[in-house]
C-alpha atoms as a PDB file:
ATOM      1  CA  MET A   1     -16.396   9.216  30.021  1.00  0.00           C
ATOM      2  CA  MET A   2     -13.410  11.515  29.557  1.00  0.00           C
ATOM      3  CA  THR A   3     -11.601  13.092  32.480  1.00  0.00           C
ATOM      4  CA  LYS A   4     -11.278  16.862  32.731  1.00  0.00           C
ATOM      5  CA  ALA A   5      -7.605  16.577  31.716  1.00  0.00           C
ATOM      6  CA  GLU A   6      -8.552  14.548  28.633  1.00  0.00           C
ATOM      7  CA  VAL A   7     -11.213  17.074  27.678  1.00  0.00           C
ATOM      8  CA  ARG A   8      -8.708  19.934  28.038  1.00  0.00           C
ATOM      9  CA  SER A   9      -6.164  18.037  25.915  1.00  0.00           C
ATOM     10  CA  ALA A  10      -8.756  17.397  23.214  1.00  0.00           C
ATOM     11  CA  GLU A  11      -9.823  21.046  23.222  1.00  0.00           C
ATOM     12  CA  ARG A  12      -6.189  22.180  23.005  1.00  0.00           C
ATOM     13  CA  GLY A  13      -5.504  19.738  20.170  1.00  0.00           C
ATOM     14  CA  GLN A  14      -8.513  20.914  18.196  1.00  0.00           C
ATOM     15  CA  ALA A  15      -7.604  24.560  18.760  1.00  0.00           C
ATOM     16  CA  LEU A  16      -3.998  23.982  17.622  1.00  0.00           C
ATOM     17  CA  TYR A  17      -5.197  22.154  14.531  1.00  0.00           C
ATOM     18  CA  ASP A  18      -7.805  24.791  13.659  1.00  0.00           C
ATOM     19  CA  THR A  19      -5.600  27.852  14.198  1.00  0.00           C
ATOM     20  CA  GLN A  20      -2.086  26.730  13.268  1.00  0.00           C
ATOM     21  CA  ILE A  21      -2.135  23.573  11.154  1.00  0.00           C
ATOM     22  CA  ARG A  22      -5.346  23.107   9.125  1.00  0.00           C
ATOM     23  CA  ALA A  23      -4.580  25.671   6.411  1.00  0.00           C
ATOM     24  CA  GLN A  24      -1.122  24.172   5.849  1.00  0.00           C
ATOM     25  CA  VAL A  25      -2.240  20.565   5.365  1.00  0.00           C
ATOM     26  CA  GLU A  26      -5.777  20.397   3.941  1.00  0.00           C
ATOM     27  CA  GLY A  27      -4.873  20.790   0.285  1.00  0.00           C
ATOM     28  CA  GLU A  28      -2.173  18.134   0.101  1.00  0.00           C
ATOM     29  CA  HIS A  29      -3.180  15.658   2.810  1.00  0.00           C
ATOM     30  CA  ARG A  30      -6.998  15.449   2.660  1.00  0.00           C
ATOM     31  CA  GLY A  31      -8.226  12.120   4.038  1.00  0.00           C
ATOM     32  CA  LYS A  32      -4.989  11.284   5.854  1.00  0.00           C
ATOM     33  CA  PHE A  33      -4.596  11.085   9.617  1.00  0.00           C
ATOM     34  CA  LEU A  34      -2.797  13.865  11.468  1.00  0.00           C
ATOM     35  CA  ILE A  35      -1.575  12.970  14.950  1.00  0.00           C
ATOM     36  CA  LEU A  36      -0.630  15.972  17.071  1.00  0.00           C
ATOM     37  CA  ASP A  37       1.286  16.358  20.334  1.00  0.00           C
ATOM     38  CA  VAL A  38      -0.849  18.892  22.203  1.00  0.00           C
ATOM     39  CA  ASN A  39       2.095  19.926  24.391  1.00  0.00           C
ATOM     40  CA  THR A  40       4.537  20.819  21.612  1.00  0.00           C
ATOM     41  CA  GLY A  41       2.452  21.265  18.467  1.00  0.00           C
ATOM     42  CA  ASP A  42       4.577  18.655  16.640  1.00  0.00           C
ATOM     43  CA  TYR A  43       2.640  16.343  14.360  1.00  0.00           C
ATOM     44  CA  GLU A  44       2.883  13.473  11.899  1.00  0.00           C
ATOM     45  CA  ILE A  45       0.670  12.719   8.906  1.00  0.00           C
ATOM     46  CA  ASP A  46       0.065   9.322   7.325  1.00  0.00           C
ATOM     47  CA  ALA A  47      -2.651   7.346   5.571  1.00  0.00           C
ATOM     48  CA  GLU A  48      -2.530   4.974   8.566  1.00  0.00           C
ATOM     49  CA  ASP A  49      -3.291   6.451  11.981  1.00  0.00           C
ATOM     50  CA  LEU A  50      -1.058   4.050  13.927  1.00  0.00           C
ATOM     51  CA  THR A  51       1.906   4.719  11.643  1.00  0.00           C
ATOM     52  CA  ALA A  52       1.608   8.443  12.342  1.00  0.00           C
ATOM     53  CA  CYS A  53       1.250   7.734  16.094  1.00  0.00           C
ATOM     54  CA  HIS A  54       4.340   5.539  16.191  1.00  0.00           C
ATOM     55  CA  ARG A  55       6.473   8.051  14.268  1.00  0.00           C
ATOM     56  CA  LEU A  56       5.451  10.886  16.579  1.00  0.00           C
ATOM     57  CA  LEU A  57       6.047   8.792  19.706  1.00  0.00           C
ATOM     58  CA  GLU A  58       9.533   7.889  18.424  1.00  0.00           C
ATOM     59  CA  ARG A  59      10.365  11.600  18.400  1.00  0.00           C
ATOM     60  CA  ARG A  60       8.270  12.579  21.421  1.00  0.00           C
ATOM     61  CA  PRO A  61       7.925   9.599  23.813  1.00  0.00           C
ATOM     62  CA  ASP A  62       5.995  11.713  26.357  1.00  0.00           C
ATOM     63  CA  ALA A  63       3.596  13.179  23.800  1.00  0.00           C
ATOM     64  CA  VAL A  64      -0.063  13.740  24.614  1.00  0.00           C
ATOM     65  CA  LEU A  65      -1.711  12.695  21.361  1.00  0.00           C
ATOM     66  CA  PHE A  66      -4.702  14.148  19.551  1.00  0.00           C
ATOM     67  CA  GLY A  67      -5.807  12.882  16.143  1.00  0.00           C
ATOM     68  CA  VAL A  68      -7.858  14.217  13.272  1.00  0.00           C
ATOM     69  CA  ARG A  69      -8.586  13.127   9.741  1.00  0.00           C
ATOM     70  CA  VAL A  70      -7.546  15.994   7.501  1.00  0.00           C
ATOM     71  CA  GLY A  71     -10.523  17.575   5.753  1.00  0.00           C
ATOM     72  CA  HIS A  72     -13.152  15.598   7.692  1.00  0.00           C
ATOM     73  CA  ARG A  73     -15.331  16.434  10.683  1.00  0.00           C
ATOM     74  CA  ALA A  74     -14.446  13.165  12.410  1.00  0.00           C
ATOM     75  CA  ALA A  75     -11.483  10.810  12.221  1.00  0.00           C
ATOM     76  CA  TYR A  76     -13.674   7.701  12.157  1.00  0.00           C
ATOM     77  CA  ARG A  77     -17.181   6.739  11.156  1.00  0.00           C
ATOM     78  CA  LEU A  78     -19.252   4.425  13.343  1.00  0.00           C
ATOM     79  CA  GLY A  79     -22.358   2.512  12.396  1.00  0.00           C
ATOM     80  CA  ILE A  80     -23.648   0.812   9.321  1.00  0.00           C
ATOM     81  CA  ARG A  81     -24.826   1.967   5.972  1.00  0.00           C
ATOM     82  CA  SER A  82     -27.903   0.467   4.375  1.00  0.00           C
ATOM     83  CA  VAL A  83     -27.388  -1.021   0.952  1.00  0.00           C
ATOM     84  CA  SER A  84     -30.112  -1.739  -1.531  1.00  0.00           C
ATOM     85  CA  LEU A  85     -29.970  -5.322  -2.768  1.00  0.00           C
ATOM     86  CA  LYS A  86     -31.529  -6.031  -6.146  1.00  0.00           C
ATOM     87  CA  GLY A  87     -32.779  -9.435  -7.203  1.00  0.00           C
END
């Protein structure tokens, strides 16, 4: 379960992304990970989530991180997909 502080950080991160960043990045970076510092609004984008995290933390060691996958409702997908096997 998330703490109240974590919930507030996630809400702030989503709000920053929705209002200030989304329109700037969706066309060019769809499918990539965007990692955002919710305190400063700074962010990094990369095809690999950890690469973006590390680059942002190099610049902002005290960053509070929030991540999204550009152009998707969720950064990750959980579960399995059924596959039809023939013959």
